[in-house]
Amino acid sequence: MKYLILSGLLIFIAACGAKQGESQQTETKRVERLDPASAPLYAAQKLAQATDFEVTLLSGETFRLSGQKGKVVLMNIWATWCPPCREETPELEELYRKYKNEGYVTLGVSIDEQGESVVRPFMEEFDVTYPMYIDTDGTVMDKYGPTMGIPTTYIIGRKGNMRYFTVGAVTKKELEPRIKELLAEES
């Protein structure tokens, strides 16, 4: 377990924008846990821009991460066959519906190799309405992976900075206060 957390932290540090060959001392600190049933959140100690990408969502719309500045973005990397992913999906949907009109976006990034044939039925089963991308070509994973497990969740603040990270199922009780805190910040 310690190895998994340490590996996840190293990925988080890499994902926070350190360039190859550049020495950057980015630290992470576990945030006070509000729900023992949730994966622990880690906070970035130094603000670093989230790595940008542009993808075409299942809806056919284009999603560019840098185009979301001014919003709080929760990016959840998951798969339909993953039990913890299935467990957290209803709460992610609930948070999305509750805060989407306040400048909050959830982006689902499926790593299912079978693509739409398994993702669309999953979305129907769980009534998922937040934007969804299927990363069969590695567009997101090349920038934010490889992950040490799924689900993996990143929370990006209004200014485009990486703010929180976790590997494992995260609960509404753990996420909601962080989302509200970030929504209250000026962009």
N, C-alpha and C. Protein backbone atom coordinates (compact mmCIF):
# COMPACT_ATOMS: atom_id res chain seq x y z
N MET A 1 0.83 -1.20 0.00
CA MET A 1 0.00 0.00 0.00
C MET A 1 0.88 1.26 0.00
N LYS A 2 1.95 1.24 0.84
CA LYS A 2 2.83 2.41 0.87
C LYS A 2 3.47 2.62 -0.50
N TYR A 3 3.84 1.51 -1.18
CA TYR A 3 4.44 1.62 -2.50
C TYR A 3 3.46 2.25 -3.49
N LEU A 4 2.19 1.84 -3.43
CA LEU A 4 1.16 2.38 -4.31
C LEU A 4 1.00 3.88 -4.10
N ILE A 5 0.93 4.30 -2.86
CA ILE A 5 0.78 5.73 -2.56
C ILE A 5 2.01 6.51 -3.01
N LEU A 6 3.21 5.99 -2.72
CA LEU A 6 4.44 6.67 -3.13
C LEU A 6 4.51 6.76 -4.65
N SER A 7 4.16 5.68 -5.35
CA SER A 7 4.18 5.70 -6.81
C SER A 7 3.18 6.71 -7.34
N GLY A 8 2.01 6.76 -6.74
CA GLY A 8 1.00 7.73 -7.15
C GLY A 8 1.48 9.15 -6.96
N LEU A 9 2.17 9.40 -5.86
CA LEU A 9 2.70 10.74 -5.61
C LEU A 9 3.73 11.13 -6.65
N LEU A 10 4.56 10.17 -7.06
CA LEU A 10 5.55 10.48 -8.08
C LEU A 10 4.88 10.82 -9.40
N ILE A 11 3.81 10.12 -9.73
CA ILE A 11 3.06 10.43 -10.94
C ILE A 11 2.46 11.82 -10.83
N PHE A 12 1.91 12.15 -9.67
CA PHE A 12 1.32 13.47 -9.46
C PHE A 12 2.36 14.56 -9.67
N ILE A 13 3.55 14.36 -9.13
CA ILE A 13 4.61 15.35 -9.29
C ILE A 13 4.95 15.50 -10.77
N ALA A 14 5.07 14.38 -11.48
CA ALA A 14 5.38 14.44 -12.91
C ALA A 14 4.26 15.12 -13.68
N ALA A 15 3.04 14.85 -13.32
CA ALA A 15 1.89 15.42 -14.03
C ALA A 15 1.74 16.90 -13.78
N CYS A 16 2.37 17.41 -12.77
CA CYS A 16 2.22 18.82 -12.43
C CYS A 16 3.11 19.72 -13.27
N GLY A 17 3.65 19.22 -14.34
CA GLY A 17 4.30 20.11 -15.29
C GLY A 17 5.81 20.16 -15.24
N ALA A 18 6.46 19.33 -14.46
CA ALA A 18 7.93 19.34 -14.46
C ALA A 18 8.41 18.88 -15.83
N LYS A 19 9.34 19.63 -16.42
CA LYS A 19 9.87 19.27 -17.72
C LYS A 19 11.02 18.30 -17.53
N GLN A 20 11.23 17.46 -18.54
CA GLN A 20 12.30 16.50 -18.47
C GLN A 20 13.62 17.22 -18.27
N GLY A 21 14.43 16.72 -17.35
CA GLY A 21 15.73 17.30 -17.09
C GLY A 21 15.68 18.52 -16.18
N GLU A 22 14.51 18.94 -15.79
CA GLU A 22 14.38 20.13 -14.96
C GLU A 22 14.22 19.69 -13.51
N SER A 23 14.99 20.25 -12.63
CA SER A 23 14.88 19.92 -11.22
C SER A 23 13.77 20.75 -10.59
N GLN A 24 12.77 20.07 -10.10
CA GLN A 24 11.65 20.77 -9.48
C GLN A 24 11.29 20.04 -8.20
N GLN A 25 11.30 20.74 -7.10
CA GLN A 25 10.97 20.13 -5.83
C GLN A 25 9.52 20.40 -5.51
N THR A 26 8.66 19.54 -6.00
CA THR A 26 7.24 19.64 -5.73
C THR A 26 6.91 18.64 -4.64
N GLU A 27 6.28 19.10 -3.61
CA GLU A 27 5.91 18.22 -2.51
C GLU A 27 4.41 18.01 -2.54
N THR A 28 4.00 16.89 -1.99
CA THR A 28 2.58 16.67 -1.81
C THR A 28 2.34 16.39 -0.34
N LYS A 29 1.18 16.72 0.11
CA LYS A 29 0.83 16.56 1.51
C LYS A 29 -0.58 15.99 1.58
N ARG A 30 -0.73 14.94 2.35
CA ARG A 30 -2.06 14.36 2.50
C ARG A 30 -2.94 15.36 3.23
N VAL A 31 -4.13 15.54 2.70
CA VAL A 31 -5.09 16.46 3.27
C VAL A 31 -5.81 15.75 4.41
N GLU A 32 -6.25 16.52 5.39
CA GLU A 32 -7.01 15.93 6.49
C GLU A 32 -8.15 15.12 5.91
N ARG A 33 -8.24 13.89 6.33
CA ARG A 33 -9.26 12.98 5.79
C ARG A 33 -10.60 13.23 6.46
N LEU A 34 -11.62 13.44 5.64
CA LEU A 34 -12.97 13.70 6.15
C LEU A 34 -13.83 12.44 6.15
N ASP A 35 -13.43 11.45 5.36
CA ASP A 35 -14.19 10.21 5.25
C ASP A 35 -13.22 9.03 5.21
N PRO A 36 -13.19 8.23 6.27
CA PRO A 36 -12.26 7.09 6.29
C PRO A 36 -12.55 6.05 5.20
N ALA A 37 -13.74 6.08 4.62
CA ALA A 37 -14.09 5.15 3.54
C ALA A 37 -13.56 5.62 2.19
N SER A 38 -13.02 6.82 2.14
CA SER A 38 -12.55 7.41 0.89
C SER A 38 -11.04 7.23 0.74
N ALA A 39 -10.60 7.21 -0.52
CA ALA A 39 -9.17 7.30 -0.77
C ALA A 39 -8.68 8.65 -0.26
N PRO A 40 -7.46 8.72 0.27
CA PRO A 40 -6.97 10.01 0.76
C PRO A 40 -6.63 10.96 -0.38
N LEU A 41 -6.92 12.23 -0.18
CA LEU A 41 -6.55 13.26 -1.14
C LEU A 41 -5.18 13.81 -0.77
N TYR A 42 -4.42 14.17 -1.79
CA TYR A 42 -3.13 14.81 -1.59
C TYR A 42 -3.19 16.18 -2.23
N ALA A 43 -2.67 17.17 -1.55
CA ALA A 43 -2.69 18.54 -2.05
C ALA A 43 -1.32 18.91 -2.62
N ALA A 44 -1.34 19.63 -3.73
CA ALA A 44 -0.09 20.13 -4.29
C ALA A 44 0.41 21.25 -3.38
N GLN A 45 1.67 21.22 -3.04
CA GLN A 45 2.24 22.25 -2.18
C GLN A 45 2.77 23.44 -2.98
N LYS A 46 3.05 23.20 -4.26
CA LYS A 46 3.46 24.27 -5.16
C LYS A 46 2.49 24.25 -6.32
N LEU A 47 2.02 25.42 -6.71
CA LEU A 47 1.07 25.48 -7.81
C LEU A 47 1.80 25.29 -9.14
N ALA A 48 1.30 24.36 -9.92
CA ALA A 48 1.85 24.09 -11.24
C ALA A 48 0.68 23.90 -12.20
N GLN A 49 0.82 24.45 -13.38
CA GLN A 49 -0.23 24.32 -14.39
C GLN A 49 -0.44 22.85 -14.75
N ALA A 50 -1.70 22.46 -14.83
CA ALA A 50 -2.03 21.12 -15.30
C ALA A 50 -1.65 21.04 -16.78
N THR A 51 -1.15 19.92 -17.19
CA THR A 51 -0.75 19.72 -18.57
C THR A 51 -1.97 19.76 -19.48
N ASP A 52 -1.90 20.58 -20.50
CA ASP A 52 -3.03 20.80 -21.40
C ASP A 52 -3.20 19.64 -22.37
N PHE A 53 -4.42 19.44 -22.81
CA PHE A 53 -4.74 18.48 -23.86
C PHE A 53 -6.06 18.90 -24.49
N GLU A 54 -6.31 18.37 -25.69
CA GLU A 54 -7.57 18.61 -26.38
C GLU A 54 -8.07 17.27 -26.90
N VAL A 55 -9.35 16.98 -26.62
CA VAL A 55 -9.95 15.71 -27.03
C VAL A 55 -11.36 15.95 -27.56
N THR A 56 -11.86 14.95 -28.27
CA THR A 56 -13.25 14.97 -28.71
C THR A 56 -14.04 14.06 -27.79
N LEU A 57 -15.03 14.63 -27.12
CA LEU A 57 -15.85 13.89 -26.17
C LEU A 57 -16.82 12.95 -26.89
N LEU A 58 -17.41 12.05 -26.14
CA LEU A 58 -18.43 11.16 -26.71
C LEU A 58 -19.59 11.95 -27.32
N SER A 59 -19.85 13.11 -26.79
CA SER A 59 -20.93 13.96 -27.31
C SER A 59 -20.58 14.57 -28.66
N GLY A 60 -19.32 14.47 -29.06
CA GLY A 60 -18.86 15.07 -30.31
C GLY A 60 -18.25 16.45 -30.11
N GLU A 61 -18.40 17.01 -28.90
CA GLU A 61 -17.83 18.33 -28.60
C GLU A 61 -16.33 18.22 -28.33
N THR A 62 -15.64 19.32 -28.55
CA THR A 62 -14.21 19.39 -28.24
C THR A 62 -14.04 19.87 -26.80
N PHE A 63 -13.13 19.23 -26.10
CA PHE A 63 -12.80 19.62 -24.72
C PHE A 63 -11.32 19.91 -24.70
N ARG A 64 -10.97 21.15 -24.35
CA ARG A 64 -9.57 21.54 -24.18
C ARG A 64 -9.42 21.95 -22.73
N LEU A 65 -8.48 21.32 -22.03
CA LEU A 65 -8.33 21.60 -20.60
C LEU A 65 -8.04 23.08 -20.35
N SER A 66 -7.17 23.68 -21.14
CA SER A 66 -6.85 25.10 -20.94
C SER A 66 -8.07 25.98 -21.20
N GLY A 67 -9.02 25.49 -21.95
CA GLY A 67 -10.26 26.23 -22.21
C GLY A 67 -11.20 26.23 -21.02
N GLN A 68 -10.85 25.50 -19.98
CA GLN A 68 -11.69 25.41 -18.78
C GLN A 68 -11.23 26.37 -17.68
N LYS A 69 -10.21 27.19 -17.97
CA LYS A 69 -9.75 28.15 -16.95
C LYS A 69 -10.92 28.98 -16.48
N GLY A 70 -10.96 29.23 -15.19
CA GLY A 70 -12.09 29.91 -14.58
C GLY A 70 -13.06 28.92 -13.97
N LYS A 71 -12.86 27.64 -14.26
CA LYS A 71 -13.69 26.57 -13.71
C LYS A 71 -12.83 25.64 -12.85
N VAL A 72 -13.49 24.92 -11.98
CA VAL A 72 -12.84 23.86 -11.22
C VAL A 72 -13.11 22.57 -12.00
N VAL A 73 -12.04 21.84 -12.31
CA VAL A 73 -12.17 20.61 -13.11
C VAL A 73 -11.74 19.41 -12.28
N LEU A 74 -12.63 18.43 -12.19
CA LEU A 74 -12.29 17.15 -11.60
C LEU A 74 -12.14 16.18 -12.76
N MET A 75 -10.92 15.65 -12.94
CA MET A 75 -10.66 14.69 -14.00
C MET A 75 -10.52 13.31 -13.37
N ASN A 76 -11.38 12.39 -13.78
CA ASN A 76 -11.43 11.06 -13.20
C ASN A 76 -11.07 10.03 -14.27
N ILE A 77 -9.96 9.33 -14.07
CA ILE A 77 -9.51 8.28 -14.98
C ILE A 77 -10.04 6.96 -14.43
N TRP A 78 -10.77 6.22 -15.26
CA TRP A 78 -11.52 5.08 -14.76
C TRP A 78 -11.72 4.03 -15.87
N ALA A 79 -12.39 2.92 -15.51
CA ALA A 79 -12.77 1.89 -16.47
C ALA A 79 -14.06 1.22 -16.01
N THR A 80 -14.84 0.71 -16.95
CA THR A 80 -16.12 0.10 -16.62
C THR A 80 -15.98 -1.17 -15.80
N TRP A 81 -14.87 -1.89 -15.93
CA TRP A 81 -14.66 -3.16 -15.24
C TRP A 81 -14.10 -2.98 -13.82
N CYS A 82 -13.89 -1.76 -13.41
CA CYS A 82 -13.23 -1.45 -12.13
C CYS A 82 -14.28 -1.27 -11.02
N PRO A 83 -14.35 -2.18 -10.03
CA PRO A 83 -15.36 -2.04 -8.96
C PRO A 83 -15.30 -0.71 -8.20
N PRO A 84 -14.11 -0.19 -7.80
CA PRO A 84 -14.11 1.11 -7.12
C PRO A 84 -14.61 2.25 -8.01
N CYS A 85 -14.38 2.13 -9.32
CA CYS A 85 -14.88 3.15 -10.27
C CYS A 85 -16.40 3.14 -10.28
N ARG A 86 -16.96 1.95 -10.31
CA ARG A 86 -18.42 1.81 -10.31
C ARG A 86 -18.99 2.37 -9.01
N GLU A 87 -18.26 2.18 -7.92
CA GLU A 87 -18.71 2.64 -6.60
C GLU A 87 -18.75 4.17 -6.52
N GLU A 88 -17.77 4.84 -7.08
CA GLU A 88 -17.70 6.29 -6.94
C GLU A 88 -18.50 7.06 -7.99
N THR A 89 -18.84 6.44 -9.09
CA THR A 89 -19.51 7.13 -10.19
C THR A 89 -20.79 7.85 -9.78
N PRO A 90 -21.71 7.23 -9.02
CA PRO A 90 -22.93 7.96 -8.65
C PRO A 90 -22.65 9.24 -7.86
N GLU A 91 -21.63 9.23 -7.01
CA GLU A 91 -21.30 10.43 -6.23
C GLU A 91 -20.64 11.49 -7.10
N LEU A 92 -19.82 11.07 -8.07
CA LEU A 92 -19.24 12.03 -9.00
C LEU A 92 -20.33 12.71 -9.82
N GLU A 93 -21.31 11.93 -10.23
CA GLU A 93 -22.45 12.48 -10.99
C GLU A 93 -23.25 13.45 -10.13
N GLU A 94 -23.46 13.08 -8.88
CA GLU A 94 -24.22 13.95 -7.97
C GLU A 94 -23.52 15.30 -7.78
N LEU A 95 -22.21 15.27 -7.60
CA LEU A 95 -21.45 16.51 -7.44
C LEU A 95 -21.49 17.34 -8.72
N TYR A 96 -21.38 16.68 -9.87
CA TYR A 96 -21.44 17.40 -11.14
C TYR A 96 -22.77 18.13 -11.30
N ARG A 97 -23.84 17.43 -11.05
CA ARG A 97 -25.16 18.05 -11.20
C ARG A 97 -25.36 19.20 -10.21
N LYS A 98 -24.83 19.04 -9.02
CA LYS A 98 -25.02 20.06 -7.98
C LYS A 98 -24.23 21.34 -8.27
N TYR A 99 -23.02 21.23 -8.82
CA TYR A 99 -22.14 22.38 -8.95
C TYR A 99 -21.84 22.82 -10.39
N LYS A 100 -22.37 22.14 -11.39
CA LYS A 100 -22.03 22.48 -12.78
C LYS A 100 -22.41 23.90 -13.16
N ASN A 101 -23.43 24.45 -12.55
CA ASN A 101 -23.83 25.83 -12.87
C ASN A 101 -23.04 26.87 -12.07
N GLU A 102 -22.11 26.40 -11.25
CA GLU A 102 -21.27 27.31 -10.45
C GLU A 102 -19.83 27.33 -10.94
N GLY A 103 -19.57 26.74 -12.10
CA GLY A 103 -18.22 26.74 -12.64
C GLY A 103 -17.44 25.47 -12.32
N TYR A 104 -18.14 24.35 -12.23
CA TYR A 104 -17.51 23.06 -11.92
C TYR A 104 -17.73 22.09 -13.07
N VAL A 105 -16.69 21.37 -13.44
CA VAL A 105 -16.77 20.39 -14.52
C VAL A 105 -16.15 19.08 -14.04
N THR A 106 -16.85 17.99 -14.30
CA THR A 106 -16.26 16.66 -14.13
C THR A 106 -15.95 16.15 -15.52
N LEU A 107 -14.76 15.64 -15.72
CA LEU A 107 -14.39 15.01 -16.99
C LEU A 107 -14.05 13.56 -16.70
N GLY A 108 -14.83 12.65 -17.26
CA GLY A 108 -14.52 11.23 -17.17
C GLY A 108 -13.58 10.85 -18.29
N VAL A 109 -12.52 10.12 -17.96
CA VAL A 109 -11.56 9.64 -18.95
C VAL A 109 -11.52 8.12 -18.83
N SER A 110 -12.24 7.45 -19.72
CA SER A 110 -12.28 5.99 -19.70
C SER A 110 -11.05 5.43 -20.39
N ILE A 111 -10.50 4.37 -19.81
CA ILE A 111 -9.37 3.69 -20.44
C ILE A 111 -9.80 2.32 -21.00
N ASP A 112 -11.11 2.13 -21.16
CA ASP A 112 -11.63 0.88 -21.70
C ASP A 112 -11.21 0.69 -23.15
N GLU A 113 -10.53 -0.41 -23.43
CA GLU A 113 -10.08 -0.70 -24.79
C GLU A 113 -11.25 -1.00 -25.73
N GLN A 114 -12.38 -1.46 -25.18
CA GLN A 114 -13.55 -1.78 -26.01
C GLN A 114 -14.30 -0.53 -26.43
N GLY A 115 -13.96 0.61 -25.88
CA GLY A 115 -14.53 1.89 -26.30
C GLY A 115 -16.00 2.06 -26.00
N GLU A 116 -16.67 2.70 -26.96
CA GLU A 116 -18.09 3.06 -26.77
C GLU A 116 -18.98 1.88 -26.46
N SER A 117 -18.64 0.70 -26.97
CA SER A 117 -19.51 -0.46 -26.78
C SER A 117 -19.70 -0.82 -25.31
N VAL A 118 -18.76 -0.43 -24.45
CA VAL A 118 -18.91 -0.68 -23.02
C VAL A 118 -19.14 0.61 -22.22
N VAL A 119 -18.64 1.73 -22.73
CA VAL A 119 -18.77 2.99 -21.99
C VAL A 119 -20.19 3.55 -22.07
N ARG A 120 -20.79 3.54 -23.24
CA ARG A 120 -22.16 4.08 -23.35
C ARG A 120 -23.16 3.32 -22.47
N PRO A 121 -23.15 1.98 -22.44
CA PRO A 121 -24.06 1.27 -21.53
C PRO A 121 -23.79 1.60 -20.06
N PHE A 122 -22.52 1.78 -19.70
CA PHE A 122 -22.16 2.17 -18.33
C PHE A 122 -22.77 3.53 -18.00
N MET A 123 -22.63 4.47 -18.92
CA MET A 123 -23.17 5.81 -18.70
C MET A 123 -24.69 5.77 -18.55
N GLU A 124 -25.34 4.94 -19.32
CA GLU A 124 -26.79 4.80 -19.19
C GLU A 124 -27.17 4.16 -17.85
N GLU A 125 -26.44 3.11 -17.47
CA GLU A 125 -26.72 2.42 -16.21
C GLU A 125 -26.61 3.36 -15.01
N PHE A 126 -25.59 4.23 -15.03
CA PHE A 126 -25.35 5.12 -13.90
C PHE A 126 -25.87 6.54 -14.14
N ASP A 127 -26.58 6.75 -15.24
CA ASP A 127 -27.15 8.04 -15.59
C ASP A 127 -26.09 9.15 -15.55
N VAL A 128 -24.95 8.88 -16.16
CA VAL A 128 -23.84 9.83 -16.20
C VAL A 128 -24.11 10.90 -17.25
N THR A 129 -24.07 12.16 -16.81
CA THR A 129 -24.29 13.28 -17.73
C THR A 129 -23.05 14.15 -17.90
N TYR A 130 -22.01 13.92 -17.10
CA TYR A 130 -20.81 14.76 -17.24
C TYR A 130 -20.03 14.36 -18.49
N PRO A 131 -19.20 15.28 -19.00
CA PRO A 131 -18.43 15.03 -20.21
C PRO A 131 -17.57 13.76 -20.07
N MET A 132 -17.54 12.99 -21.16
CA MET A 132 -16.83 11.72 -21.15
C MET A 132 -15.94 11.60 -22.37
N TYR A 133 -14.73 11.11 -22.14
CA TYR A 133 -13.76 10.86 -23.21
C TYR A 133 -13.25 9.44 -23.05
N ILE A 134 -13.08 8.75 -24.17
CA ILE A 134 -12.50 7.41 -24.15
C ILE A 134 -11.08 7.53 -24.69
N ASP A 135 -10.12 7.24 -23.84
CA ASP A 135 -8.71 7.48 -24.17
C ASP A 135 -8.05 6.25 -24.78
N THR A 136 -8.57 5.78 -25.91
CA THR A 136 -8.00 4.60 -26.55
C THR A 136 -6.67 4.90 -27.24
N ASP A 137 -6.41 6.17 -27.55
CA ASP A 137 -5.16 6.53 -28.23
C ASP A 137 -4.09 7.08 -27.28
N GLY A 138 -4.40 7.18 -25.98
CA GLY A 138 -3.41 7.63 -25.01
C GLY A 138 -3.22 9.13 -24.91
N THR A 139 -4.12 9.92 -25.49
CA THR A 139 -3.97 11.37 -25.47
C THR A 139 -3.82 11.91 -24.04
N VAL A 140 -4.66 11.46 -23.14
CA VAL A 140 -4.60 11.93 -21.75
C VAL A 140 -3.56 11.12 -20.97
N MET A 141 -3.58 9.81 -21.13
CA MET A 141 -2.67 8.96 -20.35
C MET A 141 -1.20 9.25 -20.66
N ASP A 142 -0.89 9.68 -21.88
CA ASP A 142 0.49 10.05 -22.20
C ASP A 142 0.94 11.25 -21.37
N LYS A 143 0.00 12.07 -20.94
CA LYS A 143 0.33 13.27 -20.17
C LYS A 143 0.15 13.06 -18.66
N TYR A 144 -0.77 12.19 -18.27
CA TYR A 144 -1.11 12.01 -16.85
C TYR A 144 -0.86 10.59 -16.36
N GLY A 145 -0.29 9.75 -17.15
CA GLY A 145 -0.07 8.37 -16.74
C GLY A 145 1.38 8.01 -16.88
N PRO A 146 1.71 6.76 -16.75
CA PRO A 146 0.76 5.71 -16.43
C PRO A 146 0.33 5.83 -14.97
N THR A 147 -0.90 5.51 -14.73
CA THR A 147 -1.40 5.56 -13.35
C THR A 147 -1.01 4.26 -12.66
N MET A 148 -0.94 4.33 -11.36
CA MET A 148 -0.60 3.14 -10.57
C MET A 148 -1.85 2.39 -10.16
N GLY A 149 -2.99 2.87 -10.56
CA GLY A 149 -4.25 2.22 -10.26
C GLY A 149 -5.38 3.11 -10.72
N ILE A 150 -6.53 2.51 -10.80
CA ILE A 150 -7.71 3.29 -11.12
C ILE A 150 -8.78 2.97 -10.09
N PRO A 151 -9.64 3.92 -9.83
CA PRO A 151 -9.70 5.24 -10.41
C PRO A 151 -8.56 6.13 -9.91
N THR A 152 -8.19 7.07 -10.74
CA THR A 152 -7.25 8.12 -10.38
C THR A 152 -7.97 9.44 -10.64
N THR A 153 -7.90 10.34 -9.67
CA THR A 153 -8.63 11.61 -9.78
C THR A 153 -7.70 12.78 -9.55
N TYR A 154 -7.80 13.76 -10.43
CA TYR A 154 -7.07 15.02 -10.32
C TYR A 154 -8.10 16.14 -10.18
N ILE A 155 -7.82 17.10 -9.32
CA ILE A 155 -8.68 18.29 -9.22
C ILE A 155 -7.84 19.50 -9.57
N ILE A 156 -8.33 20.25 -10.54
CA ILE A 156 -7.62 21.41 -11.08
C ILE A 156 -8.41 22.66 -10.72
N GLY A 157 -7.72 23.65 -10.16
CA GLY A 157 -8.37 24.88 -9.72
C GLY A 157 -8.71 25.82 -10.86
N ARG A 158 -9.37 26.91 -10.52
CA ARG A 158 -9.86 27.89 -11.50
C ARG A 158 -8.76 28.49 -12.37
N LYS A 159 -7.55 28.57 -11.86
CA LYS A 159 -6.45 29.16 -12.62
C LYS A 159 -5.69 28.12 -13.44
N GLY A 160 -6.20 26.88 -13.46
CA GLY A 160 -5.56 25.83 -14.25
C GLY A 160 -4.45 25.10 -13.53
N ASN A 161 -4.33 25.34 -12.22
CA ASN A 161 -3.29 24.68 -11.44
C ASN A 161 -3.78 23.37 -10.85
N MET A 162 -2.90 22.37 -10.83
CA MET A 162 -3.19 21.11 -10.19
C MET A 162 -3.31 21.38 -8.69
N ARG A 163 -4.42 20.94 -8.07
CA ARG A 163 -4.64 21.22 -6.66
C ARG A 163 -4.69 19.97 -5.79
N TYR A 164 -5.36 18.91 -6.27
CA TYR A 164 -5.48 17.68 -5.49
C TYR A 164 -5.33 16.47 -6.39
N PHE A 165 -5.00 15.34 -5.77
CA PHE A 165 -4.79 14.09 -6.48
C PHE A 165 -5.13 12.93 -5.56
N THR A 166 -5.64 11.85 -6.13
CA THR A 166 -5.82 10.62 -5.36
C THR A 166 -5.88 9.43 -6.29
N VAL A 167 -5.49 8.27 -5.76
CA VAL A 167 -5.66 6.99 -6.43
C VAL A 167 -6.61 6.19 -5.55
N GLY A 168 -7.69 5.69 -6.13
CA GLY A 168 -8.68 4.92 -5.39
C GLY A 168 -10.01 5.65 -5.39
N ALA A 169 -11.03 4.94 -4.96
CA ALA A 169 -12.37 5.52 -4.94
C ALA A 169 -12.45 6.65 -3.92
N VAL A 170 -12.91 7.78 -4.38
CA VAL A 170 -13.03 8.95 -3.51
C VAL A 170 -14.53 9.26 -3.35
N THR A 171 -14.88 9.67 -2.16
CA THR A 171 -16.30 9.87 -1.85
C THR A 171 -16.71 11.34 -1.95
N LYS A 172 -18.01 11.54 -2.07
CA LYS A 172 -18.59 12.88 -2.08
C LYS A 172 -18.21 13.62 -0.80
N LYS A 173 -18.27 12.93 0.33
CA LYS A 173 -17.95 13.55 1.62
C LYS A 173 -16.52 14.08 1.64
N GLU A 174 -15.62 13.41 0.95
CA GLU A 174 -14.22 13.83 0.88
C GLU A 174 -14.04 14.95 -0.15
N LEU A 175 -14.75 14.87 -1.26
CA LEU A 175 -14.57 15.82 -2.36
C LEU A 175 -15.30 17.14 -2.18
N GLU A 176 -16.52 17.10 -1.71
CA GLU A 176 -17.37 18.29 -1.73
C GLU A 176 -16.77 19.50 -1.03
N PRO A 177 -16.19 19.37 0.17
CA PRO A 177 -15.61 20.57 0.80
C PRO A 177 -14.46 21.16 -0.03
N ARG A 178 -13.69 20.30 -0.70
CA ARG A 178 -12.57 20.78 -1.52
C ARG A 178 -13.12 21.51 -2.75
N ILE A 179 -14.15 20.96 -3.35
CA ILE A 179 -14.76 21.59 -4.53
C ILE A 179 -15.33 22.95 -4.15
N LYS A 180 -16.04 23.01 -3.04
CA LYS A 180 -16.61 24.28 -2.59
C LYS A 180 -15.52 25.30 -2.30
N GLU A 181 -14.45 24.87 -1.68
CA GLU A 181 -13.31 25.75 -1.38
C GLU A 181 -12.72 26.31 -2.68
N LEU A 182 -12.52 25.47 -3.68
CA LEU A 182 -11.94 25.92 -4.95
C LEU A 182 -12.91 26.79 -5.73
N LEU A 183 -14.18 26.48 -5.66
CA LEU A 183 -15.18 27.33 -6.34
C LEU A 183 -15.23 28.73 -5.74
N ALA A 184 -14.92 28.85 -4.44
CA ALA A 184 -14.96 30.14 -3.76
C ALA A 184 -13.74 31.02 -4.13
N GLU A 185 -12.70 30.41 -4.67
CA GLU A 185 -11.51 31.16 -5.06
C GLU A 185 -11.78 31.99 -6.31
N GLU A 186 -11.10 33.10 -6.43
CA GLU A 186 -11.22 33.91 -7.64
C GLU A 186 -10.42 33.29 -8.75
N SER A 187 -10.90 33.47 -9.97
CA SER A 187 -10.16 32.90 -11.11
C SER A 187 -9.15 33.86 -11.67
